[in-house]
């Protein structure tokens, strides 16, 4: 580091900023943060499940819904029939009631409720899909799943 002693002959005051204290403070702060950050960050050791693509088992009692959102308008299809939100709720309640009655009533042992399988178009706004999920949950369905198309060339292995 160089130091100016002022022997240039000018009687003007020196206008250069001394950056040495600034660098010292920054180095101290850097060291403090390097020591303090690992203490602040808390990690919980988790063993997350390793999931491979599993083909969906389609049962005849499951409900297949398709959702599009072209032009900002949500359109839900029950099978191939377009339905409104009210019709979706009514059909869902009726489907669930029919399936429960078929299996012996709400107190039957081993009751297997149908699932809802949703196929959503890529350009569909989330509000359309979220509203459909909410409507089907209001109808009483517990399991809601999404049907997707696997990537081209991906291998499906069965365990």
N, C-alpha and C. Protein backbone atom coordinates (compact mmCIF):
# COMPACT_ATOMS: atom_id res chain seq x y z
N UNK A 1 0.84 -1.17 0.00
CA UNK A 1 0.00 0.00 0.00
C UNK A 1 0.89 1.23 0.00
N UNK A 2 0.43 2.21 -0.69
CA UNK A 2 1.20 3.45 -0.79
C UNK A 2 0.61 4.49 0.14
N UNK A 3 1.48 5.37 0.60
CA UNK A 3 1.02 6.42 1.50
C UNK A 3 1.51 7.74 0.96
N UNK A 4 0.62 8.72 0.93
CA UNK A 4 0.99 10.04 0.42
C UNK A 4 1.46 10.90 1.59
N UNK A 5 2.69 11.44 1.46
CA UNK A 5 3.23 12.28 2.54
C UNK A 5 3.04 13.75 2.26
N UNK A 6 2.57 14.08 1.11
CA UNK A 6 2.24 15.46 0.80
C UNK A 6 3.44 16.32 0.45
N UNK A 7 4.51 15.79 -0.15
CA UNK A 7 5.66 16.59 -0.53
C UNK A 7 5.59 17.02 -1.98
N UNK A 8 4.34 17.18 -2.49
CA UNK A 8 4.20 17.63 -3.87
C UNK A 8 4.36 19.14 -3.98
N UNK A 9 4.42 19.83 -2.87
CA UNK A 9 4.61 21.26 -2.92
C UNK A 9 3.33 22.04 -2.86
N UNK A 10 2.17 21.40 -3.07
CA UNK A 10 0.89 22.11 -2.99
C UNK A 10 0.47 22.23 -1.53
N UNK A 11 -0.13 23.38 -1.23
CA UNK A 11 -0.63 23.57 0.13
C UNK A 11 -2.11 23.15 0.24
N UNK A 12 -2.67 22.54 -0.82
CA UNK A 12 -4.07 22.12 -0.81
C UNK A 12 -4.23 20.87 0.06
N UNK A 13 -5.37 20.77 0.73
CA UNK A 13 -5.58 19.59 1.56
C UNK A 13 -5.72 18.32 0.71
N UNK A 14 -5.38 17.18 1.28
CA UNK A 14 -5.45 15.91 0.57
C UNK A 14 -6.93 15.49 0.48
N UNK A 15 -7.42 15.14 -0.70
CA UNK A 15 -8.83 14.80 -0.88
C UNK A 15 -9.05 13.32 -1.17
N UNK A 16 -8.06 12.48 -1.02
CA UNK A 16 -8.21 11.04 -1.25
C UNK A 16 -8.83 10.40 -0.01
N UNK A 17 -9.70 9.41 -0.25
CA UNK A 17 -10.36 8.71 0.84
C UNK A 17 -9.47 7.55 1.27
N UNK A 18 -9.31 7.43 2.58
CA UNK A 18 -8.55 6.32 3.12
C UNK A 18 -9.48 5.11 3.23
N UNK A 19 -9.25 4.09 2.42
CA UNK A 19 -10.14 2.93 2.38
C UNK A 19 -9.69 1.81 3.29
N UNK A 20 -8.57 1.93 3.95
CA UNK A 20 -8.07 0.86 4.82
C UNK A 20 -9.05 0.53 5.94
N UNK A 21 -9.61 1.50 6.67
CA UNK A 21 -10.59 1.13 7.71
C UNK A 21 -11.84 0.45 7.14
N UNK A 22 -12.25 0.88 5.96
CA UNK A 22 -13.42 0.26 5.32
C UNK A 22 -13.14 -1.21 5.01
N UNK A 23 -11.97 -1.49 4.47
CA UNK A 23 -11.60 -2.86 4.14
C UNK A 23 -11.50 -3.70 5.42
N UNK A 24 -10.95 -3.13 6.48
CA UNK A 24 -10.84 -3.85 7.74
C UNK A 24 -12.22 -4.22 8.28
N UNK A 25 -13.15 -3.27 8.26
CA UNK A 25 -14.50 -3.54 8.76
C UNK A 25 -15.18 -4.59 7.90
N UNK A 26 -15.04 -4.53 6.60
CA UNK A 26 -15.66 -5.50 5.70
C UNK A 26 -15.10 -6.90 5.94
N UNK A 27 -13.80 -7.01 6.17
CA UNK A 27 -13.21 -8.33 6.44
C UNK A 27 -13.73 -8.91 7.76
N UNK A 28 -13.86 -8.06 8.77
CA UNK A 28 -14.39 -8.53 10.05
C UNK A 28 -15.83 -8.99 9.89
N UNK A 29 -16.66 -8.23 9.16
CA UNK A 29 -18.05 -8.64 8.92
C UNK A 29 -18.12 -9.94 8.13
N UNK A 30 -17.25 -10.10 7.14
CA UNK A 30 -17.22 -11.33 6.35
C UNK A 30 -16.92 -12.52 7.25
N UNK A 31 -15.95 -12.38 8.13
CA UNK A 31 -15.60 -13.48 9.03
C UNK A 31 -16.75 -13.78 9.98
N UNK A 32 -17.40 -12.76 10.50
CA UNK A 32 -18.54 -12.98 11.40
C UNK A 32 -19.66 -13.72 10.68
N UNK A 33 -19.97 -13.31 9.45
CA UNK A 33 -21.03 -13.98 8.71
C UNK A 33 -20.65 -15.41 8.34
N UNK A 34 -19.41 -15.66 8.01
CA UNK A 34 -18.98 -17.02 7.68
C UNK A 34 -19.10 -17.94 8.88
N UNK A 35 -18.92 -17.41 10.07
CA UNK A 35 -19.05 -18.23 11.28
C UNK A 35 -20.51 -18.36 11.69
N UNK A 36 -21.30 -17.30 11.53
CA UNK A 36 -22.68 -17.29 12.05
C UNK A 36 -23.67 -18.00 11.14
N UNK A 37 -23.48 -17.99 9.85
CA UNK A 37 -24.48 -18.56 8.93
C UNK A 37 -24.68 -20.06 9.13
N UNK A 38 -23.64 -20.88 9.28
CA UNK A 38 -23.91 -22.31 9.52
C UNK A 38 -24.68 -22.57 10.81
N UNK A 39 -24.59 -21.70 11.78
CA UNK A 39 -25.33 -21.87 13.02
C UNK A 39 -26.80 -21.55 12.80
N UNK A 40 -27.11 -20.57 11.97
CA UNK A 40 -28.49 -20.14 11.74
C UNK A 40 -29.24 -21.14 10.87
N UNK A 41 -28.57 -21.70 9.88
CA UNK A 41 -29.22 -22.64 8.97
C UNK A 41 -29.43 -23.96 9.70
N UNK A 42 -30.69 -24.39 9.75
CA UNK A 42 -31.01 -25.64 10.42
C UNK A 42 -31.50 -26.63 9.39
N UNK A 43 -30.92 -27.79 9.41
CA UNK A 43 -31.32 -28.84 8.49
C UNK A 43 -31.93 -29.99 9.26
N UNK A 44 -32.96 -30.56 8.71
CA UNK A 44 -33.56 -31.76 9.27
C UNK A 44 -33.24 -32.88 8.31
N UNK A 45 -32.63 -33.92 8.82
CA UNK A 45 -32.29 -35.05 7.97
C UNK A 45 -33.55 -35.84 7.64
N UNK A 46 -33.87 -35.92 6.37
CA UNK A 46 -35.04 -36.65 5.91
C UNK A 46 -34.61 -37.68 4.88
N UNK A 47 -35.30 -38.77 4.89
CA UNK A 47 -35.12 -39.76 3.85
C UNK A 47 -36.35 -39.71 2.97
N UNK A 48 -36.25 -38.97 1.88
CA UNK A 48 -37.40 -38.79 0.99
C UNK A 48 -37.60 -40.04 0.14
N UNK A 49 -38.85 -40.34 -0.18
CA UNK A 49 -39.11 -41.56 -0.96
C UNK A 49 -38.58 -41.43 -2.38
N UNK A 50 -38.11 -42.52 -2.89
CA UNK A 50 -37.64 -42.59 -4.26
C UNK A 50 -38.81 -43.15 -5.08
N UNK A 51 -39.40 -42.31 -5.93
CA UNK A 51 -40.60 -42.68 -6.66
C UNK A 51 -40.28 -42.81 -8.14
N UNK A 52 -40.73 -43.90 -8.71
CA UNK A 52 -40.65 -44.06 -10.15
C UNK A 52 -42.06 -43.92 -10.70
N UNK A 53 -42.14 -43.66 -11.97
CA UNK A 53 -43.43 -43.51 -12.61
C UNK A 53 -44.22 -44.81 -12.49
N UNK A 54 -45.43 -44.69 -11.95
CA UNK A 54 -46.30 -45.85 -11.83
C UNK A 54 -47.52 -45.65 -12.71
N UNK A 55 -47.84 -46.62 -13.53
CA UNK A 55 -49.06 -46.50 -14.32
C UNK A 55 -50.28 -46.49 -13.41
N UNK A 56 -51.26 -45.69 -13.77
CA UNK A 56 -52.48 -45.58 -12.97
C UNK A 56 -53.40 -46.75 -13.28
N UNK A 57 -53.92 -47.33 -12.22
CA UNK A 57 -54.90 -48.39 -12.39
C UNK A 57 -56.26 -47.74 -12.50
N UNK A 58 -56.86 -47.87 -13.65
CA UNK A 58 -58.16 -47.25 -13.88
C UNK A 58 -59.25 -48.22 -13.48
N UNK A 59 -60.11 -47.74 -12.60
CA UNK A 59 -61.26 -48.54 -12.16
C UNK A 59 -62.50 -47.91 -12.79
N UNK A 60 -63.50 -48.71 -13.07
CA UNK A 60 -64.69 -48.15 -13.71
C UNK A 60 -65.43 -47.13 -12.85
N UNK A 61 -65.29 -47.21 -11.53
CA UNK A 61 -66.01 -46.27 -10.67
C UNK A 61 -65.31 -44.93 -10.54
N UNK A 62 -64.05 -44.82 -10.98
CA UNK A 62 -63.33 -43.55 -10.91
C UNK A 62 -63.95 -42.52 -11.85
N UNK A 63 -63.79 -41.25 -11.48
CA UNK A 63 -64.35 -40.15 -12.27
C UNK A 63 -63.22 -39.53 -13.09
N UNK A 64 -63.39 -39.46 -14.39
CA UNK A 64 -62.40 -38.86 -15.28
C UNK A 64 -62.88 -37.48 -15.70
N UNK A 65 -62.10 -36.46 -15.33
CA UNK A 65 -62.43 -35.08 -15.70
C UNK A 65 -61.34 -34.53 -16.60
N UNK A 66 -61.75 -33.77 -17.59
CA UNK A 66 -60.81 -33.06 -18.46
C UNK A 66 -61.11 -31.58 -18.32
N UNK A 67 -60.04 -30.77 -18.22
CA UNK A 67 -60.22 -29.33 -18.01
C UNK A 67 -59.42 -28.56 -19.05
N UNK A 68 -60.11 -27.61 -19.68
CA UNK A 68 -59.43 -26.70 -20.61
C UNK A 68 -59.72 -25.28 -20.16
N UNK A 69 -58.86 -24.38 -20.57
CA UNK A 69 -59.05 -22.99 -20.19
C UNK A 69 -58.78 -22.06 -21.34
N UNK A 70 -59.27 -22.39 -22.51
CA UNK A 70 -59.04 -21.59 -23.70
C UNK A 70 -59.71 -20.23 -23.57
N UNK A 71 -58.95 -19.19 -23.80
CA UNK A 71 -59.50 -17.84 -23.77
C UNK A 71 -59.87 -17.37 -22.38
N UNK A 72 -59.32 -17.98 -21.34
CA UNK A 72 -59.62 -17.58 -19.98
C UNK A 72 -60.91 -18.17 -19.44
N UNK A 73 -61.66 -18.90 -20.26
CA UNK A 73 -62.91 -19.53 -19.83
C UNK A 73 -62.62 -20.97 -19.42
N UNK A 74 -63.01 -21.33 -18.22
CA UNK A 74 -62.81 -22.69 -17.72
C UNK A 74 -63.90 -23.60 -18.28
N UNK A 75 -63.49 -24.72 -18.82
CA UNK A 75 -64.46 -25.69 -19.32
C UNK A 75 -64.08 -27.05 -18.75
N UNK A 76 -65.00 -27.66 -18.00
CA UNK A 76 -64.78 -28.96 -17.38
C UNK A 76 -65.64 -29.98 -18.11
N UNK A 77 -65.05 -31.14 -18.40
CA UNK A 77 -65.74 -32.23 -19.08
C UNK A 77 -65.79 -33.44 -18.16
N UNK A 78 -66.98 -33.96 -17.92
CA UNK A 78 -67.16 -35.21 -17.17
C UNK A 78 -67.24 -36.29 -18.23
N UNK A 79 -66.17 -37.01 -18.41
CA UNK A 79 -66.08 -37.94 -19.55
C UNK A 79 -65.96 -37.10 -20.82
N UNK A 80 -66.99 -37.12 -21.64
CA UNK A 80 -67.00 -36.31 -22.86
C UNK A 80 -68.06 -35.22 -22.81
N UNK A 81 -68.76 -35.09 -21.67
CA UNK A 81 -69.86 -34.15 -21.54
C UNK A 81 -69.41 -32.89 -20.81
N UNK A 82 -69.57 -31.71 -21.41
CA UNK A 82 -69.22 -30.48 -20.69
C UNK A 82 -70.22 -30.23 -19.55
N UNK A 83 -69.68 -29.81 -18.40
CA UNK A 83 -70.53 -29.54 -17.24
C UNK A 83 -70.17 -28.20 -16.63
N UNK A 84 -71.16 -27.57 -15.99
CA UNK A 84 -70.93 -26.34 -15.24
C UNK A 84 -70.48 -26.72 -13.83
N UNK A 85 -70.12 -25.74 -13.04
CA UNK A 85 -69.66 -26.00 -11.67
C UNK A 85 -70.78 -26.62 -10.83
N UNK A 86 -71.99 -26.13 -10.99
CA UNK A 86 -73.14 -26.67 -10.25
C UNK A 86 -73.43 -28.10 -10.67
N UNK A 87 -73.41 -28.35 -11.98
CA UNK A 87 -73.63 -29.72 -12.48
C UNK A 87 -72.53 -30.65 -12.01
N UNK A 88 -71.29 -30.15 -11.95
CA UNK A 88 -70.16 -30.96 -11.49
C UNK A 88 -70.38 -31.38 -10.03
N UNK A 89 -70.79 -30.45 -9.20
CA UNK A 89 -71.06 -30.76 -7.80
C UNK A 89 -72.19 -31.77 -7.67
N UNK A 90 -73.29 -31.55 -8.40
CA UNK A 90 -74.44 -32.46 -8.32
C UNK A 90 -74.07 -33.85 -8.80
N UNK A 91 -73.37 -33.95 -9.93
CA UNK A 91 -72.97 -35.26 -10.46
C UNK A 91 -71.99 -35.94 -9.52
N UNK A 92 -71.10 -35.16 -8.91
CA UNK A 92 -70.13 -35.74 -7.99
C UNK A 92 -70.80 -36.33 -6.76
N UNK A 93 -71.75 -35.58 -6.19
CA UNK A 93 -72.49 -36.07 -5.01
C UNK A 93 -73.27 -37.32 -5.37
N UNK A 94 -73.93 -37.31 -6.52
CA UNK A 94 -74.73 -38.46 -6.95
C UNK A 94 -73.84 -39.68 -7.21
N UNK A 95 -72.69 -39.48 -7.85
CA UNK A 95 -71.77 -40.59 -8.14
C UNK A 95 -71.26 -41.21 -6.84
N UNK A 96 -70.88 -40.37 -5.90
CA UNK A 96 -70.35 -40.86 -4.63
C UNK A 96 -71.45 -41.59 -3.83
N UNK A 97 -72.64 -41.03 -3.82
CA UNK A 97 -73.76 -41.65 -3.11
C UNK A 97 -74.08 -43.02 -3.72
N UNK A 98 -74.11 -43.10 -5.03
CA UNK A 98 -74.41 -44.36 -5.72
C UNK A 98 -73.35 -45.40 -5.41
N UNK A 99 -72.09 -45.00 -5.43
CA UNK A 99 -71.00 -45.95 -5.17
C UNK A 99 -71.02 -46.44 -3.73
N UNK A 100 -71.31 -45.56 -2.78
CA UNK A 100 -71.39 -45.97 -1.37
C UNK A 100 -72.55 -46.92 -1.15
N UNK A 101 -73.69 -46.63 -1.77
CA UNK A 101 -74.85 -47.52 -1.65
C UNK A 101 -74.56 -48.88 -2.29
N UNK A 102 -73.83 -48.90 -3.39
CA UNK A 102 -73.50 -50.15 -4.07
C UNK A 102 -72.62 -51.03 -3.19
N UNK A 103 -71.77 -50.42 -2.36
CA UNK A 103 -70.85 -51.18 -1.52
C UNK A 103 -71.45 -51.52 -0.15
N UNK A 104 -72.70 -51.17 0.09
CA UNK A 104 -73.35 -51.58 1.34
C UNK A 104 -73.61 -50.46 2.31
N UNK A 105 -73.52 -49.22 1.89
CA UNK A 105 -73.83 -48.10 2.77
C UNK A 105 -72.59 -47.49 3.40
N UNK A 106 -72.77 -46.34 4.07
CA UNK A 106 -71.62 -45.61 4.61
C UNK A 106 -70.91 -46.32 5.75
N UNK A 107 -71.56 -47.30 6.41
CA UNK A 107 -70.93 -48.01 7.52
C UNK A 107 -70.37 -49.37 7.11
N UNK A 108 -70.31 -49.65 5.82
CA UNK A 108 -69.81 -50.94 5.35
C UNK A 108 -68.32 -51.05 5.60
N UNK A 109 -67.90 -52.26 5.95
CA UNK A 109 -66.47 -52.50 6.18
C UNK A 109 -65.73 -52.56 4.85
N UNK A 110 -64.54 -52.01 4.81
CA UNK A 110 -63.72 -52.05 3.59
C UNK A 110 -64.26 -51.19 2.47
N UNK A 111 -64.86 -50.08 2.81
CA UNK A 111 -65.45 -49.19 1.81
C UNK A 111 -64.34 -48.56 0.97
N UNK A 112 -64.41 -48.75 -0.34
CA UNK A 112 -63.43 -48.17 -1.26
C UNK A 112 -64.10 -47.08 -2.07
N UNK A 113 -63.72 -45.84 -1.76
CA UNK A 113 -64.31 -44.70 -2.46
C UNK A 113 -63.65 -44.49 -3.81
N UNK A 114 -64.41 -44.03 -4.79
CA UNK A 114 -63.81 -43.75 -6.10
C UNK A 114 -62.88 -42.55 -6.03
N UNK A 115 -62.02 -42.46 -7.01
CA UNK A 115 -61.06 -41.37 -7.11
C UNK A 115 -61.46 -40.45 -8.26
N UNK A 116 -60.92 -39.23 -8.22
CA UNK A 116 -61.11 -38.28 -9.31
C UNK A 116 -59.79 -38.18 -10.05
N UNK A 117 -59.79 -38.41 -11.34
CA UNK A 117 -58.59 -38.27 -12.18
C UNK A 117 -58.77 -37.07 -13.08
N UNK A 118 -57.88 -36.10 -12.95
CA UNK A 118 -57.98 -34.85 -13.70
C UNK A 118 -56.92 -34.80 -14.78
N UNK A 119 -57.38 -34.51 -15.98
CA UNK A 119 -56.47 -34.24 -17.10
C UNK A 119 -56.60 -32.75 -17.39
N UNK A 120 -55.53 -32.01 -17.16
CA UNK A 120 -55.56 -30.58 -17.39
C UNK A 120 -54.70 -30.19 -18.57
N UNK A 121 -55.24 -29.35 -19.42
CA UNK A 121 -54.47 -28.85 -20.57
C UNK A 121 -53.32 -27.99 -20.05
N UNK A 122 -52.22 -27.97 -20.79
CA UNK A 122 -51.04 -27.22 -20.36
C UNK A 122 -51.34 -25.74 -20.20
N UNK A 123 -52.18 -25.19 -21.04
CA UNK A 123 -52.46 -23.76 -21.01
C UNK A 123 -53.62 -23.39 -20.08
N UNK A 124 -54.12 -24.34 -19.31
CA UNK A 124 -55.24 -24.08 -18.41
C UNK A 124 -54.78 -23.29 -17.20
N UNK A 125 -55.46 -22.18 -16.87
CA UNK A 125 -55.09 -21.43 -15.66
C UNK A 125 -55.32 -22.27 -14.41
N UNK A 126 -54.52 -21.99 -13.38
CA UNK A 126 -54.63 -22.76 -12.15
C UNK A 126 -56.00 -22.61 -11.49
N UNK A 127 -56.63 -21.45 -11.65
CA UNK A 127 -57.93 -21.24 -11.01
C UNK A 127 -58.96 -22.24 -11.52
N UNK A 128 -58.83 -22.68 -12.77
CA UNK A 128 -59.76 -23.67 -13.31
C UNK A 128 -59.57 -25.02 -12.65
N UNK A 129 -58.32 -25.44 -12.54
CA UNK A 129 -58.02 -26.73 -11.94
C UNK A 129 -58.29 -26.69 -10.43
N UNK A 130 -57.88 -25.60 -9.78
CA UNK A 130 -58.12 -25.46 -8.35
C UNK A 130 -59.60 -25.44 -8.02
N UNK A 131 -60.39 -24.77 -8.83
CA UNK A 131 -61.83 -24.73 -8.61
C UNK A 131 -62.46 -26.10 -8.78
N UNK A 132 -61.97 -26.87 -9.73
CA UNK A 132 -62.50 -28.22 -9.95
C UNK A 132 -62.15 -29.13 -8.77
N UNK A 133 -60.92 -29.01 -8.27
CA UNK A 133 -60.51 -29.80 -7.11
C UNK A 133 -61.40 -29.45 -5.91
N UNK A 134 -61.60 -28.17 -5.70
CA UNK A 134 -62.43 -27.71 -4.58
C UNK A 134 -63.86 -28.25 -4.70
N UNK A 135 -64.42 -28.18 -5.91
CA UNK A 135 -65.78 -28.66 -6.13
C UNK A 135 -65.88 -30.15 -5.84
N UNK A 136 -64.91 -30.92 -6.30
CA UNK A 136 -64.96 -32.37 -6.08
C UNK A 136 -64.74 -32.72 -4.61
N UNK A 137 -63.95 -31.93 -3.90
CA UNK A 137 -63.80 -32.16 -2.47
C UNK A 137 -65.09 -31.81 -1.73
N UNK A 138 -65.77 -30.77 -2.18
CA UNK A 138 -67.06 -30.41 -1.59
C UNK A 138 -68.09 -31.51 -1.84
N UNK A 139 -67.97 -32.23 -2.96
CA UNK A 139 -68.88 -33.33 -3.25
C UNK A 139 -68.59 -34.54 -2.36
N UNK A 140 -67.39 -34.60 -1.76
CA UNK A 140 -67.08 -35.69 -0.85
C UNK A 140 -65.94 -36.58 -1.29
N UNK A 141 -65.35 -36.32 -2.44
CA UNK A 141 -64.25 -37.14 -2.91
C UNK A 141 -62.99 -36.83 -2.11
N UNK A 142 -62.28 -37.87 -1.71
CA UNK A 142 -61.10 -37.71 -0.88
C UNK A 142 -59.83 -37.74 -1.74
N UNK A 143 -59.79 -38.63 -2.71
CA UNK A 143 -58.60 -38.80 -3.53
C UNK A 143 -58.78 -38.10 -4.87
N UNK A 144 -57.88 -37.17 -5.14
CA UNK A 144 -57.87 -36.46 -6.41
C UNK A 144 -56.47 -36.62 -6.99
N UNK A 145 -56.38 -37.10 -8.21
CA UNK A 145 -55.09 -37.31 -8.85
C UNK A 145 -55.04 -36.62 -10.20
N UNK A 146 -53.82 -36.46 -10.69
CA UNK A 146 -53.61 -35.82 -11.98
C UNK A 146 -53.04 -36.84 -12.96
N UNK A 147 -53.57 -36.82 -14.15
CA UNK A 147 -53.07 -37.69 -15.21
C UNK A 147 -52.15 -36.86 -16.08
N UNK A 148 -50.95 -37.37 -16.30
CA UNK A 148 -49.98 -36.66 -17.13
C UNK A 148 -49.44 -37.60 -18.18
N UNK A 149 -48.79 -37.03 -19.14
CA UNK A 149 -48.19 -37.81 -20.21
C UNK A 149 -46.71 -37.95 -19.91
N UNK A 150 -46.19 -39.19 -19.89
CA UNK A 150 -44.77 -39.34 -19.60
C UNK A 150 -43.91 -38.75 -20.71
N UNK A 151 -42.69 -38.36 -20.33
CA UNK A 151 -41.77 -37.81 -21.32
C UNK A 151 -41.45 -38.85 -22.38
N UNK A 152 -41.23 -38.37 -23.58
CA UNK A 152 -40.91 -39.27 -24.68
C UNK A 152 -39.61 -40.02 -24.39
N UNK A 153 -39.64 -41.32 -24.57
CA UNK A 153 -38.43 -42.12 -24.37
C UNK A 153 -38.21 -42.54 -22.94
N UNK A 154 -39.09 -42.17 -22.01
CA UNK A 154 -38.90 -42.58 -20.63
C UNK A 154 -39.37 -44.02 -20.48
N UNK A 155 -38.63 -44.78 -19.74
CA UNK A 155 -38.94 -46.18 -19.55
C UNK A 155 -39.81 -46.35 -18.31
N UNK A 156 -40.77 -47.24 -18.40
CA UNK A 156 -41.63 -47.56 -17.26
C UNK A 156 -41.19 -48.92 -16.75
N UNK A 157 -40.77 -48.96 -15.48
CA UNK A 157 -40.38 -50.24 -14.88
C UNK A 157 -41.36 -50.57 -13.78
N UNK A 158 -41.77 -51.80 -13.77
CA UNK A 158 -42.69 -52.26 -12.73
C UNK A 158 -41.90 -53.00 -11.67
N UNK A 159 -42.27 -52.74 -10.45
CA UNK A 159 -41.55 -53.37 -9.33
C UNK A 159 -42.30 -54.57 -8.84
